[in-house]
Amino acid sequence: MIDLKKTTPTQKNLLKLLDNRDWLEDNLKDIQEKYVEKWVAIADKKVISHGNTPDEVKKNITGDFSSIETLLLRVPKGDISRPV
């Protein structure tokens, strides 16, 4: 029988991903100033790697972070719309 009250490792990693996304939203202005038009990886509520390509960023990640919990994105230039 499946225990619906039990949290799986995948669920824990997805919750970390959501925390990292929230952290990105709260710190977007600072991240955009520092990493504009660069690729960044965010885990553990911090930028853990950055570079010019996604492959470069992935290669330079140090630490034991699941790919599920790690947020990988290109930081855009200019204004960014936010959900209402």
PDB file of N, CA and C in Angstrom:
ATOM      1  N   MET A   1       0.837  -1.182   0.000  1.00  0.00           N
ATOM      2  CA  MET A   1       0.000   0.000   0.000  1.00  0.00           C
ATOM      3  C   MET A   1       0.886   1.251   0.000  1.00  0.00           C
ATOM      4  N   ILE A   2       0.455   2.268  -0.679  1.00  0.00           N
ATOM      5  CA  ILE A   2       1.200   3.530  -0.762  1.00  0.00           C
ATOM      6  C   ILE A   2       0.861   4.398   0.442  1.00  0.00           C
ATOM      7  N   ASP A   3       1.898   4.900   1.101  1.00  0.00           N
ATOM      8  CA  ASP A   3       1.714   5.800   2.235  1.00  0.00           C
ATOM      9  C   ASP A   3       1.702   7.236   1.713  1.00  0.00           C
ATOM     10  N   LEU A   4       0.524   7.832   1.614  1.00  0.00           N
ATOM     11  CA  LEU A   4       0.382   9.172   1.047  1.00  0.00           C
ATOM     12  C   LEU A   4       0.906  10.269   1.965  1.00  0.00           C
ATOM     13  N   LYS A   5       1.193   9.946   3.209  1.00  0.00           N
ATOM     14  CA  LYS A   5       1.723  10.939   4.145  1.00  0.00           C
ATOM     15  C   LYS A   5       3.247  10.987   4.106  1.00  0.00           C
ATOM     16  N   LYS A   6       3.858  10.034   3.447  1.00  0.00           N
ATOM     17  CA  LYS A   6       5.311   9.946   3.368  1.00  0.00           C
ATOM     18  C   LYS A   6       5.822  10.849   2.236  1.00  0.00           C
ATOM     19  N   THR A   7       6.902  11.566   2.484  1.00  0.00           N
ATOM     20  CA  THR A   7       7.496  12.426   1.474  1.00  0.00           C
ATOM     21  C   THR A   7       8.642  11.675   0.797  1.00  0.00           C
ATOM     22  N   THR A   8       8.598  11.592  -0.518  1.00  0.00           N
ATOM     23  CA  THR A   8       9.628  10.887  -1.268  1.00  0.00           C
ATOM     24  C   THR A   8      10.821  11.814  -1.526  1.00  0.00           C
ATOM     25  N   PRO A   9      11.971  11.265  -1.856  1.00  0.00           N
ATOM     26  CA  PRO A   9      13.125  12.102  -2.212  1.00  0.00           C
ATOM     27  C   PRO A   9      12.823  13.038  -3.390  1.00  0.00           C
ATOM     28  N   THR A  10      12.081  12.564  -4.359  1.00  0.00           N
ATOM     29  CA  THR A  10      11.719  13.417  -5.502  1.00  0.00           C
ATOM     30  C   THR A  10      10.858  14.588  -5.051  1.00  0.00           C
ATOM     31  N   GLN A  11       9.904  14.336  -4.177  1.00  0.00           N
ATOM     32  CA  GLN A  11       9.068  15.424  -3.659  1.00  0.00           C
ATOM     33  C   GLN A  11       9.907  16.440  -2.895  1.00  0.00           C
ATOM     34  N   LYS A  12      10.868  15.958  -2.109  1.00  0.00           N
ATOM     35  CA  LYS A  12      11.746  16.861  -1.368  1.00  0.00           C
ATOM     36  C   LYS A  12      12.552  17.733  -2.321  1.00  0.00           C
ATOM     37  N   ASN A  13      13.053  17.139  -3.409  1.00  0.00           N
ATOM     38  CA  ASN A  13      13.812  17.909  -4.388  1.00  0.00           C
ATOM     39  C   ASN A  13      12.940  18.926  -5.116  1.00  0.00           C
ATOM     40  N   LEU A  14      11.706  18.552  -5.395  1.00  0.00           N
ATOM     41  CA  LEU A  14      10.787  19.496  -6.040  1.00  0.00           C
ATOM     42  C   LEU A  14      10.459  20.665  -5.113  1.00  0.00           C
ATOM     43  N   LEU A  15      10.334  20.393  -3.824  1.00  0.00           N
ATOM     44  CA  LEU A  15      10.108  21.478  -2.866  1.00  0.00           C
ATOM     45  C   LEU A  15      11.321  22.410  -2.806  1.00  0.00           C
ATOM     46  N   LYS A  16      12.522  21.841  -2.904  1.00  0.00           N
ATOM     47  CA  LYS A  16      13.732  22.664  -2.953  1.00  0.00           C
ATOM     48  C   LYS A  16      13.741  23.529  -4.207  1.00  0.00           C
ATOM     49  N   LEU A  17      13.306  22.957  -5.336  1.00  0.00           N
ATOM     50  CA  LEU A  17      13.231  23.717  -6.585  1.00  0.00           C
ATOM     51  C   LEU A  17      12.287  24.908  -6.431  1.00  0.00           C
ATOM     52  N   LEU A  18      11.146  24.687  -5.814  1.00  0.00           N
ATOM     53  CA  LEU A  18      10.197  25.782  -5.590  1.00  0.00           C
ATOM     54  C   LEU A  18      10.784  26.838  -4.655  1.00  0.00           C
ATOM     55  N   ASP A  19      11.511  26.407  -3.628  1.00  0.00           N
ATOM     56  CA  ASP A  19      12.187  27.361  -2.738  1.00  0.00           C
ATOM     57  C   ASP A  19      13.218  28.186  -3.507  1.00  0.00           C
ATOM     58  N   ASN A  20      13.951  27.532  -4.405  1.00  0.00           N
ATOM     59  CA  ASN A  20      14.943  28.247  -5.206  1.00  0.00           C
ATOM     60  C   ASN A  20      14.287  29.236  -6.161  1.00  0.00           C
ATOM     61  N   ARG A  21      13.142  28.853  -6.703  1.00  0.00           N
ATOM     62  CA  ARG A  21      12.413  29.766  -7.584  1.00  0.00           C
ATOM     63  C   ARG A  21      11.915  30.990  -6.811  1.00  0.00           C
ATOM     64  N   ASP A  22      11.417  30.763  -5.610  1.00  0.00           N
ATOM     65  CA  ASP A  22      10.971  31.872  -4.767  1.00  0.00           C
ATOM     66  C   ASP A  22      12.149  32.785  -4.402  1.00  0.00           C
ATOM     67  N   TRP A  23      13.304  32.169  -4.093  1.00  0.00           N
ATOM     68  CA  TRP A  23      14.493  32.943  -3.766  1.00  0.00           C
ATOM     69  C   TRP A  23      14.915  33.786  -4.968  1.00  0.00           C
ATOM     70  N   LEU A  24      14.857  33.203  -6.159  1.00  0.00           N
ATOM     71  CA  LEU A  24      15.176  33.943  -7.382  1.00  0.00           C
ATOM     72  C   LEU A  24      14.265  35.146  -7.535  1.00  0.00           C
ATOM     73  N   GLU A  25      12.997  34.945  -7.331  1.00  0.00           N
ATOM     74  CA  GLU A  25      12.038  36.044  -7.457  1.00  0.00           C
ATOM     75  C   GLU A  25      12.347  37.161  -6.465  1.00  0.00           C
ATOM     76  N   ASP A  26      12.701  36.801  -5.241  1.00  0.00           N
ATOM     77  CA  ASP A  26      13.015  37.798  -4.214  1.00  0.00           C
ATOM     78  C   ASP A  26      14.328  38.525  -4.477  1.00  0.00           C
ATOM     79  N   ASN A  27      15.241  37.901  -5.212  1.00  0.00           N
ATOM     80  CA  ASN A  27      16.577  38.459  -5.430  1.00  0.00           C
ATOM     81  C   ASN A  27      16.857  38.766  -6.900  1.00  0.00           C
ATOM     82  N   LEU A  28      15.816  38.840  -7.696  1.00  0.00           N
ATOM     83  CA  LEU A  28      15.960  38.979  -9.135  1.00  0.00           C
ATOM     84  C   LEU A  28      16.749  40.223  -9.539  1.00  0.00           C
ATOM     85  N   LYS A  29      16.495  41.336  -8.906  1.00  0.00           N
ATOM     86  CA  LYS A  29      17.179  42.578  -9.285  1.00  0.00           C
ATOM     87  C   LYS A  29      18.696  42.437  -9.105  1.00  0.00           C
ATOM     88  N   ASP A  30      19.132  41.916  -7.961  1.00  0.00           N
ATOM     89  CA  ASP A  30      20.566  41.745  -7.711  1.00  0.00           C
ATOM     90  C   ASP A  30      21.185  40.735  -8.671  1.00  0.00           C
ATOM     91  N   ILE A  31      20.487  39.655  -8.922  1.00  0.00           N
ATOM     92  CA  ILE A  31      20.996  38.629  -9.832  1.00  0.00           C
ATOM     93  C   ILE A  31      21.091  39.188 -11.245  1.00  0.00           C
ATOM     94  N   GLN A  32      20.095  39.950 -11.643  1.00  0.00           N
ATOM     95  CA  GLN A  32      20.105  40.519 -12.982  1.00  0.00           C
ATOM     96  C   GLN A  32      21.254  41.510 -13.134  1.00  0.00           C
ATOM     97  N   GLU A  33      21.538  42.309 -12.114  1.00  0.00           N
ATOM     98  CA  GLU A  33      22.642  43.263 -12.188  1.00  0.00           C
ATOM     99  C   GLU A  33      23.986  42.543 -12.314  1.00  0.00           C
ATOM    100  N   LYS A  34      24.135  41.447 -11.616  1.00  0.00           N
ATOM    101  CA  LYS A  34      25.417  40.741 -11.579  1.00  0.00           C
ATOM    102  C   LYS A  34      25.610  39.778 -12.754  1.00  0.00           C
ATOM    103  N   TYR A  35      24.522  39.150 -13.227  1.00  0.00           N
ATOM    104  CA  TYR A  35      24.647  38.076 -14.214  1.00  0.00           C
ATOM    105  C   TYR A  35      23.844  38.330 -15.497  1.00  0.00           C
ATOM    106  N   VAL A  36      23.590  39.583 -15.835  1.00  0.00           N
ATOM    107  CA  VAL A  36      22.772  39.883 -17.011  1.00  0.00           C
ATOM    108  C   VAL A  36      23.339  39.191 -18.255  1.00  0.00           C
ATOM    109  N   GLU A  37      22.441  38.563 -18.987  1.00  0.00           N
ATOM    110  CA  GLU A  37      22.723  37.832 -20.220  1.00  0.00           C
ATOM    111  C   GLU A  37      23.699  36.664 -20.030  1.00  0.00           C
ATOM    112  N   LYS A  38      23.786  36.146 -18.819  1.00  0.00           N
ATOM    113  CA  LYS A  38      24.581  34.954 -18.514  1.00  0.00           C
ATOM    114  C   LYS A  38      23.629  33.834 -18.100  1.00  0.00           C
ATOM    115  N   TRP A  39      24.129  32.620 -18.129  1.00  0.00           N
ATOM    116  CA  TRP A  39      23.407  31.469 -17.614  1.00  0.00           C
ATOM    117  C   TRP A  39      23.806  31.272 -16.169  1.00  0.00           C
ATOM    118  N   VAL A  40      22.844  30.935 -15.312  1.00  0.00           N
ATOM    119  CA  VAL A  40      23.129  30.679 -13.903  1.00  0.00           C
ATOM    120  C   VAL A  40      22.426  29.401 -13.458  1.00  0.00           C
ATOM    121  N   ALA A  41      23.021  28.769 -12.464  1.00  0.00           N
ATOM    122  CA  ALA A  41      22.388  27.638 -11.784  1.00  0.00           C
ATOM    123  C   ALA A  41      22.152  28.073 -10.346  1.00  0.00           C
ATOM    124  N   ILE A  42      20.948  27.851  -9.866  1.00  0.00           N
ATOM    125  CA  ILE A  42      20.579  28.225  -8.506  1.00  0.00           C
ATOM    126  C   ILE A  42      20.165  26.975  -7.748  1.00  0.00           C
ATOM    127  N   ALA A  43      20.780  26.789  -6.579  1.00  0.00           N
ATOM    128  CA  ALA A  43      20.424  25.702  -5.668  1.00  0.00           C
ATOM    129  C   ALA A  43      20.757  26.166  -4.264  1.00  0.00           C
ATOM    130  N   ASP A  44      20.092  25.622  -3.298  1.00  0.00           N
ATOM    131  CA  ASP A  44      20.333  25.984  -1.899  1.00  0.00           C
ATOM    132  C   ASP A  44      20.194  27.494  -1.686  1.00  0.00           C
ATOM    133  N   LYS A  45      19.277  28.093  -2.443  1.00  0.00           N
ATOM    134  CA  LYS A  45      18.963  29.527  -2.355  1.00  0.00           C
ATOM    135  C   LYS A  45      20.184  30.417  -2.589  1.00  0.00           C
ATOM    136  N   LYS A  46      20.993  30.046  -3.609  1.00  0.00           N
ATOM    137  CA  LYS A  46      22.133  30.872  -4.011  1.00  0.00           C
ATOM    138  C   LYS A  46      22.556  30.479  -5.426  1.00  0.00           C
ATOM    139  N   VAL A  47      23.277  31.361  -6.080  1.00  0.00           N
ATOM    140  CA  VAL A  47      23.846  31.051  -7.390  1.00  0.00           C
ATOM    141  C   VAL A  47      25.050  30.148  -7.147  1.00  0.00           C
ATOM    142  N   ILE A  48      24.994  28.938  -7.701  1.00  0.00           N
ATOM    143  CA  ILE A  48      26.077  27.986  -7.472  1.00  0.00           C
ATOM    144  C   ILE A  48      27.027  27.878  -8.660  1.00  0.00           C
ATOM    145  N   SER A  49      26.630  28.428  -9.805  1.00  0.00           N
ATOM    146  CA  SER A  49      27.478  28.425 -10.984  1.00  0.00           C
ATOM    147  C   SER A  49      26.926  29.424 -11.990  1.00  0.00           C
ATOM    148  N   HIS A  50      27.802  29.956 -12.826  1.00  0.00           N
ATOM    149  CA  HIS A  50      27.364  30.863 -13.888  1.00  0.00           C
ATOM    150  C   HIS A  50      28.325  30.752 -15.059  1.00  0.00           C
ATOM    151  N   GLY A  51      27.860  31.156 -16.240  1.00  0.00           N
ATOM    152  CA  GLY A  51      28.701  31.087 -17.423  1.00  0.00           C
ATOM    153  C   GLY A  51      27.954  31.537 -18.658  1.00  0.00           C
ATOM    154  N   ASN A  52      28.577  31.327 -19.813  1.00  0.00           N
ATOM    155  CA  ASN A  52      28.006  31.789 -21.077  1.00  0.00           C
ATOM    156  C   ASN A  52      27.080  30.777 -21.738  1.00  0.00           C
ATOM    157  N   THR A  53      27.174  29.519 -21.338  1.00  0.00           N
ATOM    158  CA  THR A  53      26.327  28.474 -21.920  1.00  0.00           C
ATOM    159  C   THR A  53      25.806  27.566 -20.810  1.00  0.00           C
ATOM    160  N   PRO A  54      24.687  26.893 -21.068  1.00  0.00           N
ATOM    161  CA  PRO A  54      24.180  25.947 -20.066  1.00  0.00           C
ATOM    162  C   PRO A  54      25.191  24.835 -19.761  1.00  0.00           C
ATOM    163  N   ASP A  55      25.881  24.346 -20.797  1.00  0.00           N
ATOM    164  CA  ASP A  55      26.862  23.277 -20.574  1.00  0.00           C
ATOM    165  C   ASP A  55      28.006  23.739 -19.681  1.00  0.00           C
ATOM    166  N   GLU A  56      28.471  24.967 -19.881  1.00  0.00           N
ATOM    167  CA  GLU A  56      29.536  25.522 -19.041  1.00  0.00           C
ATOM    168  C   GLU A  56      29.081  25.613 -17.589  1.00  0.00           C
ATOM    169  N   VAL A  57      27.861  26.066 -17.389  1.00  0.00           N
ATOM    170  CA  VAL A  57      27.317  26.201 -16.034  1.00  0.00           C
ATOM    171  C   VAL A  57      27.215  24.832 -15.369  1.00  0.00           C
ATOM    172  N   LYS A  58      26.666  23.850 -16.083  1.00  0.00           N
ATOM    173  CA  LYS A  58      26.522  22.498 -15.525  1.00  0.00           C
ATOM    174  C   LYS A  58      27.875  21.904 -15.164  1.00  0.00           C
ATOM    175  N   LYS A  59      28.864  22.120 -16.023  1.00  0.00           N
ATOM    176  CA  LYS A  59      30.191  21.555 -15.799  1.00  0.00           C
ATOM    177  C   LYS A  59      30.853  22.141 -14.556  1.00  0.00           C
ATOM    178  N   ASN A  60      30.548  23.399 -14.227  1.00  0.00           N
ATOM    179  CA  ASN A  60      31.202  24.087 -13.109  1.00  0.00           C
ATOM    180  C   ASN A  60      30.449  24.009 -11.792  1.00  0.00           C
ATOM    181  N   ILE A  61      29.364  23.260 -11.744  1.00  0.00           N
ATOM    182  CA  ILE A  61      28.622  23.105 -10.486  1.00  0.00           C
ATOM    183  C   ILE A  61      29.431  22.230  -9.541  1.00  0.00           C
ATOM    184  N   THR A  62      29.695  22.762  -8.372  1.00  0.00           N
ATOM    185  CA  THR A  62      30.357  21.962  -7.340  1.00  0.00           C
ATOM    186  C   THR A  62      29.359  21.726  -6.211  1.00  0.00           C
ATOM    187  N   GLY A  63      29.424  20.606  -5.596  1.00  0.00           N
ATOM    188  CA  GLY A  63      28.477  20.271  -4.545  1.00  0.00           C
ATOM    189  C   GLY A  63      27.566  19.158  -5.003  1.00  0.00           C
ATOM    190  N   ASP A  64      26.791  18.668  -4.083  1.00  0.00           N
ATOM    191  CA  ASP A  64      25.911  17.540  -4.337  1.00  0.00           C
ATOM    192  C   ASP A  64      24.480  18.034  -4.471  1.00  0.00           C
ATOM    193  N   PHE A  65      24.157  18.551  -5.652  1.00  0.00           N
ATOM    194  CA  PHE A  65      22.820  19.079  -5.905  1.00  0.00           C
ATOM    195  C   PHE A  65      22.128  18.213  -6.953  1.00  0.00           C
ATOM    196  N   SER A  66      20.908  17.844  -6.676  1.00  0.00           N
ATOM    197  CA  SER A  66      20.113  17.086  -7.630  1.00  0.00           C
ATOM    198  C   SER A  66      19.738  17.982  -8.807  1.00  0.00           C
ATOM    199  N   SER A  67      19.690  17.396  -9.993  1.00  0.00           N
ATOM    200  CA  SER A  67      19.260  18.185 -11.158  1.00  0.00           C
ATOM    201  C   SER A  67      17.800  18.606 -11.017  1.00  0.00           C
ATOM    202  N   ILE A  68      17.043  17.880 -10.209  1.00  0.00           N
ATOM    203  CA  ILE A  68      15.635  18.237  -9.991  1.00  0.00           C
ATOM    204  C   ILE A  68      15.520  19.512  -9.153  1.00  0.00           C
ATOM    205  N   GLU A  69      16.401  19.690  -8.179  1.00  0.00           N
ATOM    206  CA  GLU A  69      16.303  20.852  -7.296  1.00  0.00           C
ATOM    207  C   GLU A  69      17.002  22.085  -7.862  1.00  0.00           C
ATOM    208  N   THR A  70      17.848  21.906  -8.888  1.00  0.00           N
ATOM    209  CA  THR A  70      18.653  22.999  -9.420  1.00  0.00           C
ATOM    210  C   THR A  70      17.896  23.745 -10.510  1.00  0.00           C
ATOM    211  N   LEU A  71      17.842  25.040 -10.374  1.00  0.00           N
ATOM    212  CA  LEU A  71      17.189  25.912 -11.343  1.00  0.00           C
ATOM    213  C   LEU A  71      18.253  26.436 -12.293  1.00  0.00           C
ATOM    214  N   LEU A  72      18.101  26.197 -13.590  1.00  0.00           N
ATOM    215  CA  LEU A  72      19.047  26.645 -14.608  1.00  0.00           C
ATOM    216  C   LEU A  72      18.327  27.609 -15.534  1.00  0.00           C
ATOM    217  N   LEU A  73      18.868  28.822 -15.670  1.00  0.00           N
ATOM    218  CA  LEU A  73      18.202  29.812 -16.500  1.00  0.00           C
ATOM    219  C   LEU A  73      19.182  30.833 -17.045  1.00  0.00           C
ATOM    220  N   ARG A  74      18.760  31.504 -18.107  1.00  0.00           N
ATOM    221  CA  ARG A  74      19.509  32.622 -18.666  1.00  0.00           C
ATOM    222  C   ARG A  74      18.892  33.894 -18.115  1.00  0.00           C
ATOM    223  N   VAL A  75      19.732  34.763 -17.571  1.00  0.00           N
ATOM    224  CA  VAL A  75      19.247  36.005 -16.957  1.00  0.00           C
ATOM    225  C   VAL A  75      19.059  37.035 -18.071  1.00  0.00           C
ATOM    226  N   PRO A  76      17.836  37.492 -18.273  1.00  0.00           N
ATOM    227  CA  PRO A  76      17.568  38.429 -19.361  1.00  0.00           C
ATOM    228  C   PRO A  76      17.989  39.862 -19.028  1.00  0.00           C
ATOM    229  N   LYS A  77      18.123  40.636 -20.075  1.00  0.00           N
ATOM    230  CA  LYS A  77      18.423  42.068 -19.946  1.00  0.00           C
ATOM    231  C   LYS A  77      17.085  42.810 -20.009  1.00  0.00           C
ATOM    232  N   GLY A  78      16.950  43.861 -19.225  1.00  0.00           N
ATOM    233  CA  GLY A  78      15.736  44.664 -19.270  1.00  0.00           C
ATOM    234  C   GLY A  78      14.701  44.231 -18.258  1.00  0.00           C
ATOM    235  N   ASP A  79      13.541  44.861 -18.359  1.00  0.00           N
ATOM    236  CA  ASP A  79      12.461  44.596 -17.416  1.00  0.00           C
ATOM    237  C   ASP A  79      11.915  43.185 -17.590  1.00  0.00           C
ATOM    238  N   ILE A  80      11.539  42.607 -16.477  1.00  0.00           N
ATOM    239  CA  ILE A  80      10.963  41.281 -16.453  1.00  0.00           C
ATOM    240  C   ILE A  80       9.572  41.400 -15.850  1.00  0.00           C
ATOM    241  N   SER A  81       8.576  40.863 -16.566  1.00  0.00           N
ATOM    242  CA  SER A  81       7.222  40.925 -16.026  1.00  0.00           C
ATOM    243  C   SER A  81       7.080  39.900 -14.926  1.00  0.00           C
ATOM    244  N   ARG A  82       6.236  40.206 -13.975  1.00  0.00           N
ATOM    245  CA  ARG A  82       5.975  39.310 -12.842  1.00  0.00           C
ATOM    246  C   ARG A  82       4.493  39.000 -12.803  1.00  0.00           C
ATOM    247  N   PRO A  83       4.168  37.805 -12.314  1.00  0.00           N
ATOM    248  CA  PRO A  83       2.741  37.484 -12.187  1.00  0.00           C
ATOM    249  C   PRO A  83       2.067  38.419 -11.180  1.00  0.00           C
ATOM    250  N   VAL A  84       0.816  38.675 -11.398  1.00  0.00           N
ATOM    251  CA  VAL A  84       0.062  39.553 -10.514  1.00  0.00           C
ATOM    252  C   VAL A  84      -0.433  38.798  -9.327  1.00  0.00           C
TER     253      VAL A  84
END
